[in-house]
Structure formats: C-alpha cells, structure tokens
Protein backbone atom coordinates (compact mmCIF):
# COMPACT_ATOMS: atom_id res chain seq x y z
CA MET A 1 4.60 2.51 31.09
CA GLU A 2 6.75 -0.58 30.86
CA ILE A 3 5.63 -3.30 28.45
CA LEU A 4 7.58 -6.51 28.81
CA ASP A 5 5.64 -8.94 26.62
CA TYR A 6 4.66 -8.01 23.08
CA ASN A 7 4.52 -9.49 19.62
CA PRO A 8 7.44 -8.28 17.44
CA GLU A 9 5.00 -7.59 14.59
CA VAL A 10 3.49 -4.80 16.68
CA VAL A 11 6.69 -2.77 16.37
CA VAL A 12 6.66 -3.16 12.59
CA ASN A 13 2.99 -2.19 12.36
CA LEU A 14 3.45 0.84 14.58
CA SER A 15 6.52 1.96 12.62
CA ASP A 16 4.60 1.61 9.37
CA PHE A 17 1.64 3.56 10.77
CA VAL A 18 3.86 6.38 12.07
CA TYR A 19 5.76 6.59 8.77
CA ASN A 20 2.55 6.76 6.70
CA TYR A 21 0.96 9.30 9.05
CA VAL A 22 3.99 11.61 9.16
CA THR A 23 4.43 11.33 5.38
CA SER A 24 0.81 12.28 4.73
CA VAL A 25 0.97 15.20 7.20
CA LEU A 26 4.18 16.58 5.73
CA THR A 27 2.92 16.16 2.16
CA GLU A 28 -0.26 18.01 3.05
CA ALA A 29 1.72 20.72 4.85
CA ARG A 30 3.90 21.18 1.77
CA ASN A 31 0.77 21.48 -0.40
CA ILE A 32 -0.73 24.05 1.98
CA SER A 33 2.42 26.11 2.50
CA ALA A 34 2.98 29.30 0.55
CA ASP A 35 6.68 28.37 0.31
CA PRO A 36 6.94 24.58 -0.12
CA GLY A 37 10.65 24.69 0.70
CA HIS A 38 9.97 26.16 4.15
CA LEU A 39 7.28 24.70 6.40
CA THR A 40 6.04 26.71 9.34
CA ARG A 41 4.51 25.41 12.56
CA GLN A 42 1.15 26.81 11.45
CA ASP A 43 1.30 24.88 8.15
CA THR A 44 2.05 21.67 10.01
CA LEU A 45 -0.71 22.16 12.59
CA PHE A 46 -3.23 22.91 9.84
CA ALA A 47 -2.11 19.80 7.92
CA ILE A 48 -2.48 17.64 11.06
CA LYS A 49 -6.02 18.92 11.54
CA TYR A 50 -6.80 18.34 7.85
CA VAL A 51 -5.41 14.79 7.84
CA ASN A 52 -7.20 13.87 11.08
CA ASP A 53 -10.51 15.28 9.84
CA ASN A 54 -10.26 13.25 6.64
CA THR A 55 -9.54 10.00 8.46
CA VAL A 56 -12.57 7.74 8.33
CA PHE A 57 -13.09 4.92 10.79
CA LEU A 58 -15.72 2.47 9.62
CA GLU A 59 -17.76 0.24 11.87
CA PHE A 60 -17.66 -3.51 11.27
CA ASP A 61 -21.20 -3.49 9.84
CA GLU A 62 -20.25 -0.79 7.34
CA ILE A 63 -17.22 -2.81 6.25
CA LEU A 64 -19.46 -5.86 5.72
CA LYS A 65 -21.84 -3.76 3.59
CA CYS A 66 -18.94 -2.57 1.46
CA ALA A 67 -17.61 -6.12 1.12
CA LYS A 68 -21.02 -7.41 0.02
CA LEU A 69 -21.27 -4.62 -2.53
CA VAL A 70 -17.84 -5.40 -3.98
CA ASN A 71 -18.43 -9.16 -3.91
CA LYS A 72 -21.72 -8.86 -5.84
CA GLU A 73 -19.71 -8.45 -9.02
CA PRO A 74 -18.78 -11.94 -10.27
CA LEU A 75 -15.19 -12.90 -10.96
CA PRO A 76 -14.11 -13.11 -14.62
CA GLU A 77 -14.71 -16.43 -16.36
CA PHE A 78 -12.03 -19.09 -16.23
CA MET A 79 -9.97 -19.08 -19.44
CA GLY A 80 -9.71 -22.86 -19.58
CA LYS A 81 -5.92 -23.01 -19.70
CA ILE A 82 -4.06 -24.65 -16.87
CA GLY A 83 -0.59 -23.53 -15.88
CA LEU A 84 1.35 -20.36 -16.48
CA ASN A 85 0.27 -17.93 -19.15
CA LEU A 86 3.53 -17.29 -20.96
CA PRO A 87 4.08 -15.03 -23.97
CA PRO A 88 4.84 -16.58 -27.36
CA GLU A 89 7.95 -18.77 -27.38
CA ARG A 90 10.05 -16.31 -29.39
CA TYR A 91 9.74 -13.80 -26.52
CA CYS A 92 10.52 -16.31 -23.76
CA LEU A 93 13.94 -16.79 -22.27
CA ASN A 94 13.34 -20.34 -21.15
CA LYS A 95 15.12 -22.06 -24.07
CA CYS A 96 18.67 -23.22 -23.98
CA ASN A 97 20.47 -20.76 -26.26
CA TYR A 98 24.04 -21.78 -25.63
CA ALA A 99 26.24 -24.78 -26.20
CA LEU A 100 28.85 -26.14 -23.83
CA ARG A 101 32.29 -26.85 -25.19
CA ARG A 102 34.00 -30.02 -24.12
CA TYR A 103 37.63 -29.66 -23.11
C-alpha cells in the first residue's frame, strides 16, 4: 500500500490516536495485572478487549441529540464589563516599578 498524496495533519492525528490508544491499553493492563511492574501477554490482551468493548461510536443523529441537550442550558449572563478582567491593581504586575538612571 503506497500512499503518495496525503495531508500532513493526518500523520499528526494518527500519531495522537495511536499514543492515546496504547496509553489507555497499557494503563488498563497495569490496573488488571496482579504485579503492576510486570505485564504479561494475557494482561495486555485482556486490556485490549476491555478498552475496545468500552469504546463507543455515536451516530451523527445521536451527537446532534447530545448537542441539543447541552445547548438547552443558557450561557451565563454578560457581566457588563468590557475588556480584560484583571485582579485588583495591587496584585497586577503591569505598573512601572523601576526607574532608569541617566548616565
């Protein structure tokens, strides 16, 4: 299988997926193992089965239902202030606290 044309982001996404998947499998295998310092093939196979069984793939309609449910809750009211919300001035480090000497 020789792929000549691909988007470079695909490599990053695949690497991220593989890292997350292997991390979750090894973490689960360590939790399952009788001796967490030594993982056996059986522990790893059981963890792979456990992780794959707990993976949920939602249909697009189900995702829309979840989004509608979450979006029913209104956003918090606007506070009325415009700009950055900074702490009181005595805690800010945005003042000039030094003097330049002239030579």
